[in-house]
Protein backbone atom coordinates (compact mmCIF):
# COMPACT_ATOMS: atom_id res chain seq x y z
CA UNK A 1 0.00 0.00 0.00
CA UNK A 2 1.18 3.57 -0.49
CA UNK A 3 2.39 4.40 3.05
CA UNK A 4 2.97 8.12 3.79
CA UNK A 5 6.34 9.41 4.98
CA UNK A 6 6.18 11.19 8.35
CA UNK A 7 8.63 13.93 7.39
CA UNK A 8 7.52 14.96 3.89
CA UNK A 9 4.58 15.03 1.51
CA UNK A 10 5.35 11.77 -0.24
CA UNK A 11 4.67 8.08 0.14
CA UNK A 12 6.33 4.76 -0.57
CA UNK A 13 4.65 1.55 -1.61
CA UNK A 14 5.28 -0.94 1.20
CA UNK A 15 3.62 -3.64 3.26
CA UNK A 16 1.70 -2.56 6.35
CA UNK A 17 -0.23 -4.21 9.17
CA UNK A 18 -3.87 -3.32 9.77
CA UNK A 19 -4.18 -2.33 13.44
CA UNK A 20 -7.79 -1.07 13.47
CA UNK A 21 -10.97 -3.01 14.01
CA UNK A 22 -13.31 -3.61 11.04
CA UNK A 23 -15.84 -1.22 12.66
CA UNK A 24 -13.67 1.77 11.65
CA UNK A 25 -13.80 0.75 7.99
CA UNK A 26 -17.54 0.09 8.15
CA UNK A 27 -18.32 3.41 9.83
CA UNK A 28 -15.88 5.72 8.04
CA UNK A 29 -14.13 3.79 5.25
CA UNK A 30 -10.81 4.28 7.07
CA UNK A 31 -8.09 1.86 8.19
CA UNK A 32 -5.27 2.37 10.69
CA UNK A 33 -1.98 0.80 9.59
CA UNK A 34 1.43 0.19 11.16
CA UNK A 35 4.46 0.38 8.90
CA UNK A 36 6.46 -2.71 7.95
CA UNK A 37 10.10 -2.16 7.09
CA UNK A 38 13.09 -4.27 6.18
CA UNK A 39 15.00 -5.79 9.08
CA UNK A 40 18.14 -4.36 7.44
CA UNK A 41 17.10 -0.88 8.64
CA UNK A 42 18.28 0.38 12.01
CA UNK A 43 15.81 -1.05 14.56
CA UNK A 44 13.77 1.13 16.91
CA UNK A 45 13.12 0.05 20.49
CA UNK A 46 9.42 -0.54 19.79
CA UNK A 47 9.92 -2.57 16.59
CA UNK A 48 8.54 -6.11 16.46
CA UNK A 49 10.40 -8.66 14.34
CA UNK A 50 8.20 -10.72 12.04
CA UNK A 51 8.78 -14.32 13.13
CA UNK A 52 7.29 -16.26 10.21
CA UNK A 53 7.71 -14.89 6.69
CA UNK A 54 5.84 -17.77 5.07
CA UNK A 55 2.44 -16.91 6.57
CA UNK A 56 2.91 -13.16 6.18
CA UNK A 57 3.81 -13.31 2.51
CA UNK A 58 6.76 -10.97 3.08
CA UNK A 59 9.75 -11.59 0.81
CA UNK A 60 12.53 -10.66 3.28
CA UNK A 61 13.16 -10.40 7.04
CA UNK A 62 10.99 -7.56 8.27
CA UNK A 63 9.97 -5.49 11.28
CA UNK A 64 6.60 -4.01 12.22
CA UNK A 65 7.17 -0.42 13.33
CA UNK A 66 4.23 0.44 15.68
CA UNK A 67 5.67 3.94 16.20
CA UNK A 68 4.76 4.75 12.59
CA UNK A 69 1.03 4.52 12.00
CA UNK A 70 -1.13 6.04 9.28
CA UNK A 71 -4.84 6.46 8.63
CA UNK A 72 -5.81 5.72 5.04
CA UNK A 73 -8.94 5.23 3.00
CA UNK A 74 -9.57 1.49 2.81
CA UNK A 75 -9.65 1.69 -0.99
CA UNK A 76 -5.93 2.54 -1.00
CA UNK A 77 -5.00 -0.94 0.23
CA UNK A 78 -3.79 -2.71 -2.88
CA UNK A 79 -3.92 -6.35 -1.75
CA UNK A 80 -3.58 -8.70 1.20
CA UNK A 81 -0.24 -10.52 1.45
CA UNK A 82 -0.84 -12.78 4.41
CA UNK A 83 -1.36 -12.78 8.15
CA UNK A 84 0.82 -11.71 11.06
CA UNK A 85 1.60 -14.58 13.47
CA UNK A 86 -0.50 -14.33 16.66
CA UNK A 87 2.53 -13.84 18.93
CA UNK A 88 3.77 -11.00 16.70
CA UNK A 89 0.29 -9.40 16.71
CA UNK A 90 0.26 -9.53 20.52
CA UNK A 91 3.72 -7.90 20.63
CA UNK A 92 2.57 -5.13 18.26
CA UNK A 93 -0.55 -4.56 20.40
CA UNK A 94 1.61 -4.32 23.53
CA UNK A 95 3.82 -1.69 21.89
CA UNK A 96 0.77 0.30 20.76
CA UNK A 97 -0.65 0.22 24.31
CA UNK A 98 2.60 1.79 25.56
CA UNK A 99 2.13 4.69 23.13
CA UNK A 100 -1.59 5.16 23.82
CA UNK A 101 -1.19 4.91 27.58
PDB file of N, CA and C in Angstrom:
ATOM      1  N   UNK A   1       0.830  -1.165   0.000  1.00  0.00           N
ATOM      2  CA  UNK A   1       0.000   0.000   0.000  1.00  0.00           C
ATOM      3  C   UNK A   1       0.877   1.230   0.000  1.00  0.00           C
ATOM      4  N   UNK A   2       0.406   2.326  -0.546  1.00  0.00           N
ATOM      5  CA  UNK A   2       1.184   3.566  -0.485  1.00  0.00           C
ATOM      6  C   UNK A   2       1.174   4.105   0.949  1.00  0.00           C
ATOM      7  N   UNK A   3       2.290   3.988   1.643  1.00  0.00           N
ATOM      8  CA  UNK A   3       2.385   4.403   3.048  1.00  0.00           C
ATOM      9  C   UNK A   3       3.039   5.775   3.101  1.00  0.00           C
ATOM     10  N   UNK A   4       2.413   6.757   3.778  1.00  0.00           N
ATOM     11  CA  UNK A   4       2.972   8.121   3.788  1.00  0.00           C
ATOM     12  C   UNK A   4       4.238   8.229   4.633  1.00  0.00           C
ATOM     13  N   UNK A   5       5.172   9.072   4.183  1.00  0.00           N
ATOM     14  CA  UNK A   5       6.336   9.412   4.983  1.00  0.00           C
ATOM     15  C   UNK A   5       5.888  10.362   6.087  1.00  0.00           C
ATOM     16  N   UNK A   6       6.531  10.308   7.239  1.00  0.00           N
ATOM     17  CA  UNK A   6       6.177  11.187   8.351  1.00  0.00           C
ATOM     18  C   UNK A   6       6.788  12.577   8.190  1.00  0.00           C
ATOM     19  N   UNK A   7       7.885  12.673   7.440  1.00  0.00           N
ATOM     20  CA  UNK A   7       8.629  13.929   7.393  1.00  0.00           C
ATOM     21  C   UNK A   7       8.515  14.693   6.073  1.00  0.00           C
ATOM     22  N   UNK A   8       7.680  14.229   5.152  1.00  0.00           N
ATOM     23  CA  UNK A   8       7.524  14.959   3.889  1.00  0.00           C
ATOM     24  C   UNK A   8       6.231  14.527   3.201  1.00  0.00           C
ATOM     25  N   UNK A   9       5.824  15.307   2.242  1.00  0.00           N
ATOM     26  CA  UNK A   9       4.583  15.028   1.513  1.00  0.00           C
ATOM     27  C   UNK A   9       4.869  14.075   0.375  1.00  0.00           C
ATOM     28  N   UNK A  10       5.065  12.827   0.738  1.00  0.00           N
ATOM     29  CA  UNK A  10       5.345  11.770  -0.237  1.00  0.00           C
ATOM     30  C   UNK A  10       4.933  10.453   0.395  1.00  0.00           C
ATOM     31  N   UNK A  11       4.992   9.401  -0.381  1.00  0.00           N
ATOM     32  CA  UNK A  11       4.672   8.085   0.142  1.00  0.00           C
ATOM     33  C   UNK A  11       5.480   7.037  -0.606  1.00  0.00           C
ATOM     34  N   UNK A  12       5.597   5.870   0.018  1.00  0.00           N
ATOM     35  CA  UNK A  12       6.332   4.762  -0.572  1.00  0.00           C
ATOM     36  C   UNK A  12       5.450   3.529  -0.506  1.00  0.00           C
ATOM     37  N   UNK A  13       5.424   2.788  -1.597  1.00  0.00           N
ATOM     38  CA  UNK A  13       4.647   1.552  -1.608  1.00  0.00           C
ATOM     39  C   UNK A  13       5.376   0.517  -0.756  1.00  0.00           C
ATOM     40  N   UNK A  14       4.671   0.000   0.263  1.00  0.00           N
ATOM     41  CA  UNK A  14       5.282  -0.944   1.197  1.00  0.00           C
ATOM     42  C   UNK A  14       4.204  -1.770   1.873  1.00  0.00           C
ATOM     43  N   UNK A  15       4.597  -2.882   2.473  1.00  0.00           N
ATOM     44  CA  UNK A  15       3.619  -3.641   3.260  1.00  0.00           C
ATOM     45  C   UNK A  15       3.290  -2.887   4.550  1.00  0.00           C
ATOM     46  N   UNK A  16       2.127  -3.168   5.091  1.00  0.00           N
ATOM     47  CA  UNK A  16       1.695  -2.564   6.350  1.00  0.00           C
ATOM     48  C   UNK A  16       0.779  -3.558   7.059  1.00  0.00           C
ATOM     49  N   UNK A  17       0.622  -3.357   8.355  1.00  0.00           N
ATOM     50  CA  UNK A  17      -0.228  -4.214   9.169  1.00  0.00           C
ATOM     51  C   UNK A  17      -1.465  -3.416   9.576  1.00  0.00           C
ATOM     52  N   UNK A  18      -2.638  -3.968   9.338  1.00  0.00           N
ATOM     53  CA  UNK A  18      -3.872  -3.319   9.775  1.00  0.00           C
ATOM     54  C   UNK A  18      -3.955  -3.451  11.289  1.00  0.00           C
ATOM     55  N   UNK A  19      -4.107  -2.314  11.982  1.00  0.00           N
ATOM     56  CA  UNK A  19      -4.182  -2.334  13.442  1.00  0.00           C
ATOM     57  C   UNK A  19      -5.542  -1.860  13.949  1.00  0.00           C
ATOM     58  N   UNK A  20      -6.458  -1.522  13.055  1.00  0.00           N
ATOM     59  CA  UNK A  20      -7.787  -1.072  13.471  1.00  0.00           C
ATOM     60  C   UNK A  20      -8.800  -2.206  13.354  1.00  0.00           C
ATOM     61  N   UNK A  21      -9.879  -2.052  14.082  1.00  0.00           N
ATOM     62  CA  UNK A  21     -10.975  -3.014  14.012  1.00  0.00           C
ATOM     63  C   UNK A  21     -11.794  -2.754  12.750  1.00  0.00           C
ATOM     64  N   UNK A  22     -12.476  -3.789  12.235  1.00  0.00           N
ATOM     65  CA  UNK A  22     -13.308  -3.606  11.043  1.00  0.00           C
ATOM     66  C   UNK A  22     -14.390  -2.532  11.201  1.00  0.00           C
ATOM     67  N   UNK A  23     -14.797  -2.235  12.431  1.00  0.00           N
ATOM     68  CA  UNK A  23     -15.835  -1.224  12.664  1.00  0.00           C
ATOM     69  C   UNK A  23     -15.423   0.147  12.127  1.00  0.00           C
ATOM     70  N   UNK A  24     -14.137   0.484  12.178  1.00  0.00           N
ATOM     71  CA  UNK A  24     -13.666   1.773  11.653  1.00  0.00           C
ATOM     72  C   UNK A  24     -13.891   1.854  10.146  1.00  0.00           C
ATOM     73  N   UNK A  25     -13.592   0.781   9.445  1.00  0.00           N
ATOM     74  CA  UNK A  25     -13.798   0.755   7.991  1.00  0.00           C
ATOM     75  C   UNK A  25     -15.283   0.809   7.659  1.00  0.00           C
ATOM     76  N   UNK A  26     -16.097   0.080   8.409  1.00  0.00           N
ATOM     77  CA  UNK A  26     -17.544   0.094   8.150  1.00  0.00           C
ATOM     78  C   UNK A  26     -18.139   1.473   8.393  1.00  0.00           C
ATOM     79  N   UNK A  27     -17.730   2.125   9.458  1.00  0.00           N
ATOM     80  CA  UNK A  27     -18.318   3.412   9.835  1.00  0.00           C
ATOM     81  C   UNK A  27     -17.802   4.581   9.000  1.00  0.00           C
ATOM     82  N   UNK A  28     -16.492   4.537   8.665  1.00  0.00           N
ATOM     83  CA  UNK A  28     -15.878   5.716   8.036  1.00  0.00           C
ATOM     84  C   UNK A  28     -15.080   5.416   6.774  1.00  0.00           C
ATOM     85  N   UNK A  29     -14.922   4.144   6.428  1.00  0.00           N
ATOM     86  CA  UNK A  29     -14.130   3.793   5.253  1.00  0.00           C
ATOM     87  C   UNK A  29     -12.642   3.961   5.464  1.00  0.00           C
ATOM     88  N   UNK A  30     -12.214   4.051   6.736  1.00  0.00           N
ATOM     89  CA  UNK A  30     -10.806   4.277   7.069  1.00  0.00           C
ATOM     90  C   UNK A  30     -10.186   3.047   7.721  1.00  0.00           C
ATOM     91  N   UNK A  31      -8.859   2.954   7.597  1.00  0.00           N
ATOM     92  CA  UNK A  31      -8.093   1.857   8.187  1.00  0.00           C
ATOM     93  C   UNK A  31      -6.845   2.452   8.834  1.00  0.00           C
ATOM     94  N   UNK A  32      -6.524   1.989  10.038  1.00  0.00           N
ATOM     95  CA  UNK A  32      -5.270   2.369  10.689  1.00  0.00           C
ATOM     96  C   UNK A  32      -4.247   1.292  10.377  1.00  0.00           C
ATOM     97  N   UNK A  33      -3.044   1.722   9.992  1.00  0.00           N
ATOM     98  CA  UNK A  33      -1.981   0.804   9.592  1.00  0.00           C
ATOM     99  C   UNK A  33      -0.697   1.098  10.347  1.00  0.00           C
ATOM    100  N   UNK A  34       0.069   0.046  10.629  1.00  0.00           N
ATOM    101  CA  UNK A  34       1.430   0.189  11.156  1.00  0.00           C
ATOM    102  C   UNK A  34       2.398  -0.175  10.041  1.00  0.00           C
ATOM    103  N   UNK A  35       3.465   0.566   9.948  1.00  0.00           N
ATOM    104  CA  UNK A  35       4.460   0.376   8.899  1.00  0.00           C
ATOM    105  C   UNK A  35       5.220  -0.936   9.081  1.00  0.00           C
ATOM    106  N   UNK A  36       5.560  -1.558   7.970  1.00  0.00           N
ATOM    107  CA  UNK A  36       6.465  -2.711   7.953  1.00  0.00           C
ATOM    108  C   UNK A  36       7.696  -2.269   7.180  1.00  0.00           C
ATOM    109  N   UNK A  37       8.856  -2.562   7.727  1.00  0.00           N
ATOM    110  CA  UNK A  37      10.102  -2.161   7.093  1.00  0.00           C
ATOM    111  C   UNK A  37      11.082  -3.333   7.077  1.00  0.00           C
ATOM    112  N   UNK A  38      12.076  -3.224   6.269  1.00  0.00           N
ATOM    113  CA  UNK A  38      13.090  -4.267   6.175  1.00  0.00           C
ATOM    114  C   UNK A  38      13.871  -4.374   7.477  1.00  0.00           C
ATOM    115  N   UNK A  39      14.210  -5.578   7.868  1.00  0.00           N
ATOM    116  CA  UNK A  39      15.002  -5.792   9.079  1.00  0.00           C
ATOM    117  C   UNK A  39      16.418  -5.262   8.912  1.00  0.00           C
ATOM    118  N   UNK A  40      16.809  -4.916   7.680  1.00  0.00           N
ATOM    119  CA  UNK A  40      18.141  -4.355   7.437  1.00  0.00           C
ATOM    120  C   UNK A  40      18.227  -2.918   7.931  1.00  0.00           C
ATOM    121  N   UNK A  41      17.090  -2.255   8.124  1.00  0.00           N
ATOM    122  CA  UNK A  41      17.095  -0.885   8.641  1.00  0.00           C
ATOM    123  C   UNK A  41      17.443  -0.886  10.120  1.00  0.00           C
ATOM    124  N   UNK A  42      17.946   0.249  10.596  1.00  0.00           N
ATOM    125  CA  UNK A  42      18.283   0.380  12.015  1.00  0.00           C
ATOM    126  C   UNK A  42      17.021   0.178  12.846  1.00  0.00           C
ATOM    127  N   UNK A  43      17.025  -0.782  13.783  1.00  0.00           N
ATOM    128  CA  UNK A  43      15.807  -1.048  14.562  1.00  0.00           C
ATOM    129  C   UNK A  43      15.513   0.061  15.567  1.00  0.00           C
ATOM    130  N   UNK A  44      14.237   0.244  15.856  1.00  0.00           N
ATOM    131  CA  UNK A  44      13.771   1.128  16.912  1.00  0.00           C
ATOM    132  C   UNK A  44      13.389   0.252  18.095  1.00  0.00           C
ATOM    133  N   UNK A  45      13.413   0.819  19.281  1.00  0.00           N
ATOM    134  CA  UNK A  45      13.119   0.054  20.495  1.00  0.00           C
ATOM    135  C   UNK A  45      11.751  -0.626  20.442  1.00  0.00           C
ATOM    136  N   UNK A  46      10.782   0.000  19.813  1.00  0.00           N
ATOM    137  CA  UNK A  46       9.418  -0.540  19.790  1.00  0.00           C
ATOM    138  C   UNK A  46       9.151  -1.483  18.617  1.00  0.00           C
ATOM    139  N   UNK A  47      10.120  -1.689  17.741  1.00  0.00           N
ATOM    140  CA  UNK A  47       9.917  -2.574  16.587  1.00  0.00           C
ATOM    141  C   UNK A  47       9.631  -4.010  17.030  1.00  0.00           C
ATOM    142  N   UNK A  48       8.849  -4.702  16.215  1.00  0.00           N
ATOM    143  CA  UNK A  48       8.543  -6.114  16.457  1.00  0.00           C
ATOM    144  C   UNK A  48       9.002  -6.896  15.233  1.00  0.00           C
ATOM    145  N   UNK A  49       9.916  -7.831  15.447  1.00  0.00           N
ATOM    146  CA  UNK A  49      10.404  -8.663  14.344  1.00  0.00           C
ATOM    147  C   UNK A  49       9.303  -9.620  13.893  1.00  0.00           C
ATOM    148  N   UNK A  50       9.164  -9.769  12.592  1.00  0.00           N
ATOM    149  CA  UNK A  50       8.200 -10.722  12.040  1.00  0.00           C
ATOM    150  C   UNK A  50       8.843 -12.103  12.131  1.00  0.00           C
ATOM    151  N   UNK A  51       8.163 -13.020  12.818  1.00  0.00           N
ATOM    152  CA  UNK A  51       8.778 -14.318  13.129  1.00  0.00           C
ATOM    153  C   UNK A  51       8.580 -15.382  12.053  1.00  0.00           C
ATOM    154  N   UNK A  52       7.580 -15.219  11.196  1.00  0.00           N
ATOM    155  CA  UNK A  52       7.291 -16.261  10.207  1.00  0.00           C
ATOM    156  C   UNK A  52       6.943 -15.616   8.870  1.00  0.00           C
ATOM    157  N   UNK A  53       7.929 -15.537   7.989  1.00  0.00           N
ATOM    158  CA  UNK A  53       7.714 -14.891   6.687  1.00  0.00           C
ATOM    159  C   UNK A  53       6.727 -15.659   5.820  1.00  0.00           C
ATOM    160  N   UNK A  54       6.688 -16.962   5.941  1.00  0.00           N
ATOM    161  CA  UNK A  54       5.837 -17.772   5.074  1.00  0.00           C
ATOM    162  C   UNK A  54       4.361 -17.398   5.204  1.00  0.00           C
ATOM    163  N   UNK A  55       3.869 -17.226   6.428  1.00  0.00           N
ATOM    164  CA  UNK A  55       2.439 -16.913   6.575  1.00  0.00           C
ATOM    165  C   UNK A  55       2.134 -15.443   6.329  1.00  0.00           C
ATOM    166  N   UNK A  56       3.151 -14.582   6.421  1.00  0.00           N
ATOM    167  CA  UNK A  56       2.910 -13.159   6.181  1.00  0.00           C
ATOM    168  C   UNK A  56       2.950 -12.814   4.697  1.00  0.00           C
ATOM    169  N   UNK A  57       3.665 -13.619   3.923  1.00  0.00           N
ATOM    170  CA  UNK A  57       3.813 -13.308   2.508  1.00  0.00           C
ATOM    171  C   UNK A  57       4.917 -12.299   2.237  1.00  0.00           C
ATOM    172  N   UNK A  58       5.666 -11.931   3.264  1.00  0.00           N
ATOM    173  CA  UNK A  58       6.758 -10.966   3.083  1.00  0.00           C
ATOM    174  C   UNK A  58       7.957 -11.652   2.445  1.00  0.00           C
ATOM    175  N   UNK A  59       8.658 -10.956   1.538  1.00  0.00           N
ATOM    176  CA  UNK A  59       9.751 -11.588   0.808  1.00  0.00           C
ATOM    177  C   UNK A  59      11.094 -11.609   1.548  1.00  0.00           C
ATOM    178  N   UNK A  60      11.233 -10.784   2.600  1.00  0.00           N
ATOM    179  CA  UNK A  60      12.530 -10.661   3.282  1.00  0.00           C
ATOM    180  C   UNK A  60      12.298 -10.405   4.761  1.00  0.00           C
ATOM    181  N   UNK A  61      13.302 -10.684   5.608  1.00  0.00           N
ATOM    182  CA  UNK A  61      13.162 -10.402   7.038  1.00  0.00           C
ATOM    183  C   UNK A  61      12.676  -8.971   7.253  1.00  0.00           C
ATOM    184  N   UNK A  62      11.663  -8.840   8.117  1.00  0.00           N
ATOM    185  CA  UNK A  62      10.986  -7.557   8.266  1.00  0.00           C
ATOM    186  C   UNK A  62      10.650  -7.267   9.714  1.00  0.00           C
ATOM    187  N   UNK A  63      10.363  -5.981   9.966  1.00  0.00           N
ATOM    188  CA  UNK A  63       9.966  -5.495  11.275  1.00  0.00           C
ATOM    189  C   UNK A  63       8.663  -4.727  11.140  1.00  0.00           C
ATOM    190  N   UNK A  64       7.767  -4.884  12.113  1.00  0.00           N
ATOM    191  CA  UNK A  64       6.600  -4.012  12.219  1.00  0.00           C
ATOM    192  C   UNK A  64       7.047  -2.833  13.073  1.00  0.00           C
ATOM    193  N   UNK A  65       6.752  -1.635  12.624  1.00  0.00           N
ATOM    194  CA  UNK A  65       7.166  -0.417  13.334  1.00  0.00           C
ATOM    195  C   UNK A  65       5.917   0.271  13.895  1.00  0.00           C
ATOM    196  N   UNK A  66       5.456  -0.132  15.104  1.00  0.00           N
ATOM    197  CA  UNK A  66       4.234   0.444  15.678  1.00  0.00           C
ATOM    198  C   UNK A  66       4.322   1.950  15.942  1.00  0.00           C
ATOM    199  N   UNK A  67       5.517   2.496  15.998  1.00  0.00           N
ATOM    200  CA  UNK A  67       5.669   3.938  16.201  1.00  0.00           C
ATOM    201  C   UNK A  67       5.250   4.733  14.972  1.00  0.00           C
ATOM    202  N   UNK A  68       5.154   4.071  13.817  1.00  0.00           N
ATOM    203  CA  UNK A  68       4.756   4.754  12.585  1.00  0.00           C
ATOM    204  C   UNK A  68       3.415   4.189  12.119  1.00  0.00           C
ATOM    205  N   UNK A  69       2.355   4.936  12.425  1.00  0.00           N
ATOM    206  CA  UNK A  69       1.029   4.516  11.998  1.00  0.00           C
ATOM    207  C   UNK A  69       0.451   5.570  11.061  1.00  0.00           C
ATOM    208  N   UNK A  70      -0.474   5.143  10.232  1.00  0.00           N
ATOM    209  CA  UNK A  70      -1.133   6.041   9.283  1.00  0.00           C
ATOM    210  C   UNK A  70      -2.608   5.679   9.220  1.00  0.00           C
ATOM    211  N   UNK A  71      -3.420   6.669   8.901  1.00  0.00           N
ATOM    212  CA  UNK A  71      -4.837   6.462   8.633  1.00  0.00           C
ATOM    213  C   UNK A  71      -5.037   6.644   7.140  1.00  0.00           C
ATOM    214  N   UNK A  72      -5.605   5.647   6.493  1.00  0.00           N
ATOM    215  CA  UNK A  72      -5.815   5.722   5.043  1.00  0.00           C
ATOM    216  C   UNK A  72      -7.232   5.291   4.698  1.00  0.00           C
ATOM    217  N   UNK A  73      -7.682   5.714   3.544  1.00  0.00           N
ATOM    218  CA  UNK A  73      -8.939   5.233   2.996  1.00  0.00           C
ATOM    219  C   UNK A  73      -8.748   3.764   2.665  1.00  0.00           C
ATOM    220  N   UNK A  74      -9.683   2.931   3.044  1.00  0.00           N
ATOM    221  CA  UNK A  74      -9.565   1.493   2.814  1.00  0.00           C
ATOM    222  C   UNK A  74      -9.354   1.128   1.356  1.00  0.00           C
ATOM    223  N   UNK A  75      -9.830   1.958   0.440  1.00  0.00           N
ATOM    224  CA  UNK A  75      -9.653   1.694  -0.992  1.00  0.00           C
ATOM    225  C   UNK A  75      -8.203   1.796  -1.447  1.00  0.00           C
ATOM    226  N   UNK A  76      -7.336   2.393  -0.620  1.00  0.00           N
ATOM    227  CA  UNK A  76      -5.928   2.542  -0.999  1.00  0.00           C
ATOM    228  C   UNK A  76      -5.128   1.265  -0.755  1.00  0.00           C
ATOM    229  N   UNK A  77      -5.683   0.330  -0.006  1.00  0.00           N
ATOM    230  CA  UNK A  77      -4.997  -0.936   0.232  1.00  0.00           C
ATOM    231  C   UNK A  77      -5.041  -1.726  -1.069  1.00  0.00           C
ATOM    232  N   UNK A  78      -3.882  -2.091  -1.569  1.00  0.00           N
ATOM    233  CA  UNK A  78      -3.789  -2.713  -2.884  1.00  0.00           C
ATOM    234  C   UNK A  78      -4.114  -4.201  -2.869  1.00  0.00           C
ATOM    235  N   UNK A  79      -3.632  -4.920  -1.845  1.00  0.00           N
ATOM    236  CA  UNK A  79      -3.917  -6.353  -1.750  1.00  0.00           C
ATOM    237  C   UNK A  79      -3.488  -6.868  -0.386  1.00  0.00           C
ATOM    238  N   UNK A  80      -3.969  -8.050  -0.051  1.00  0.00           N
ATOM    239  CA  UNK A  80      -3.579  -8.703   1.195  1.00  0.00           C
ATOM    240  C   UNK A  80      -2.472  -9.697   0.886  1.00  0.00           C
ATOM    241  N   UNK A  81      -1.362  -9.595   1.640  1.00  0.00           N
ATOM    242  CA  UNK A  81      -0.242 -10.524   1.449  1.00  0.00           C
ATOM    243  C   UNK A  81      -0.410 -11.795   2.261  1.00  0.00           C
ATOM    244  N   UNK A  82      -0.758 -11.639   3.516  1.00  0.00           N
ATOM    245  CA  UNK A  82      -0.838 -12.785   4.414  1.00  0.00           C
ATOM    246  C   UNK A  82      -1.333 -12.336   5.769  1.00  0.00           C
ATOM    247  N   UNK A  83      -0.897 -13.046   6.800  1.00  0.00           N
ATOM    248  CA  UNK A  83      -1.360 -12.775   8.154  1.00  0.00           C
ATOM    249  C   UNK A  83      -0.172 -12.721   9.100  1.00  0.00           C
ATOM    250  N   UNK A  84      -0.233 -11.820  10.059  1.00  0.00           N
ATOM    251  CA  UNK A  84       0.820 -11.715  11.065  1.00  0.00           C
ATOM    252  C   UNK A  84       0.642 -12.834  12.086  1.00  0.00           C
ATOM    253  N   UNK A  85       1.717 -13.549  12.442  1.00  0.00           N
ATOM    254  CA  UNK A  85       1.595 -14.580  13.473  1.00  0.00           C
ATOM    255  C   UNK A  85       0.999 -14.007  14.759  1.00  0.00           C
ATOM    256  N   UNK A  86       0.206 -14.802  15.465  1.00  0.00           N
ATOM    257  CA  UNK A  86      -0.503 -14.334  16.663  1.00  0.00           C
ATOM    258  C   UNK A  86       0.444 -13.738  17.696  1.00  0.00           C
ATOM    259  N   UNK A  87       1.606 -14.375  17.905  1.00  0.00           N
ATOM    260  CA  UNK A  87       2.526 -13.838  18.926  1.00  0.00           C
ATOM    261  C   UNK A  87       3.091 -12.491  18.495  1.00  0.00           C
ATOM    262  N   UNK A  88       3.300 -12.297  17.203  1.00  0.00           N
ATOM    263  CA  UNK A  88       3.768 -11.002  16.704  1.00  0.00           C
ATOM    264  C   UNK A  88       2.673  -9.948  16.852  1.00  0.00           C
ATOM    265  N   UNK A  89       1.422 -10.325  16.563  1.00  0.00           N
ATOM    266  CA  UNK A  89       0.295  -9.404  16.708  1.00  0.00           C
ATOM    267  C   UNK A  89       0.148  -8.960  18.165  1.00  0.00           C
ATOM    268  N   UNK A  90       0.331  -9.896  19.100  1.00  0.00           N
ATOM    269  CA  UNK A  90       0.264  -9.533  20.520  1.00  0.00           C
ATOM    270  C   UNK A  90       1.390  -8.572  20.890  1.00  0.00           C
ATOM    271  N   UNK A  91       2.586  -8.785  20.348  1.00  0.00           N
ATOM    272  CA  UNK A  91       3.718  -7.899  20.632  1.00  0.00           C
ATOM    273  C   UNK A  91       3.473  -6.502  20.055  1.00  0.00           C
ATOM    274  N   UNK A  92       2.900  -6.435  18.853  1.00  0.00           N
ATOM    275  CA  UNK A  92       2.565  -5.130  18.257  1.00  0.00           C
ATOM    276  C   UNK A  92       1.527  -4.426  19.128  1.00  0.00           C
ATOM    277  N   UNK A  93       0.495  -5.144  19.549  1.00  0.00           N
ATOM    278  CA  UNK A  93      -0.551  -4.561  20.395  1.00  0.00           C
ATOM    279  C   UNK A  93       0.034  -4.037  21.709  1.00  0.00           C
ATOM    280  N   UNK A  94       0.977  -4.760  22.283  1.00  0.00           N
ATOM    281  CA  UNK A  94       1.612  -4.319  23.528  1.00  0.00           C
ATOM    282  C   UNK A  94       2.381  -3.024  23.312  1.00  0.00           C
ATOM    283  N   UNK A  95       3.080  -2.915  22.192  1.00  0.00           N
ATOM    284  CA  UNK A  95       3.818  -1.687  21.895  1.00  0.00           C
ATOM    285  C   UNK A  95       2.854  -0.519  21.679  1.00  0.00           C
ATOM    286  N   UNK A  96       1.757  -0.764  20.975  1.00  0.00           N
ATOM    287  CA  UNK A  96       0.768   0.298  20.756  1.00  0.00           C
ATOM    288  C   UNK A  96       0.178   0.776  22.081  1.00  0.00           C
ATOM    289  N   UNK A  97      -0.102  -0.160  22.998  1.00  0.00           N
ATOM    290  CA  UNK A  97      -0.650   0.221  24.310  1.00  0.00           C
ATOM    291  C   UNK A  97       0.321   1.133  25.049  1.00  0.00           C
ATOM    292  N   UNK A  98       1.612   0.907  24.910  1.00  0.00           N
ATOM    293  CA  UNK A  98       2.604   1.793  25.559  1.00  0.00           C
ATOM    294  C   UNK A  98       2.483   3.221  25.030  1.00  0.00           C
ATOM    295  N   UNK A  99       2.228   3.355  23.728  1.00  0.00           N
ATOM    296  CA  UNK A  99       2.127   4.690  23.131  1.00  0.00           C
ATOM    297  C   UNK A  99       0.800   5.365  23.466  1.00  0.00           C
ATOM    298  N   UNK A 100      -0.273   4.585  23.564  1.00  0.00           N
ATOM    299  CA  UNK A 100      -1.590   5.161  23.825  1.00  0.00           C
ATOM    300  C   UNK A 100      -1.865   5.362  25.311  1.00  0.00           C
ATOM    301  N   UNK A 101      -1.059   4.723  26.146  1.00  0.00           N
ATOM    302  CA  UNK A 101      -1.187   4.912  27.580  1.00  0.00           C
ATOM    303  C   UNK A 101      -2.210   4.125  28.273  1.00  0.00           C
TER     304      UNK A 101
END
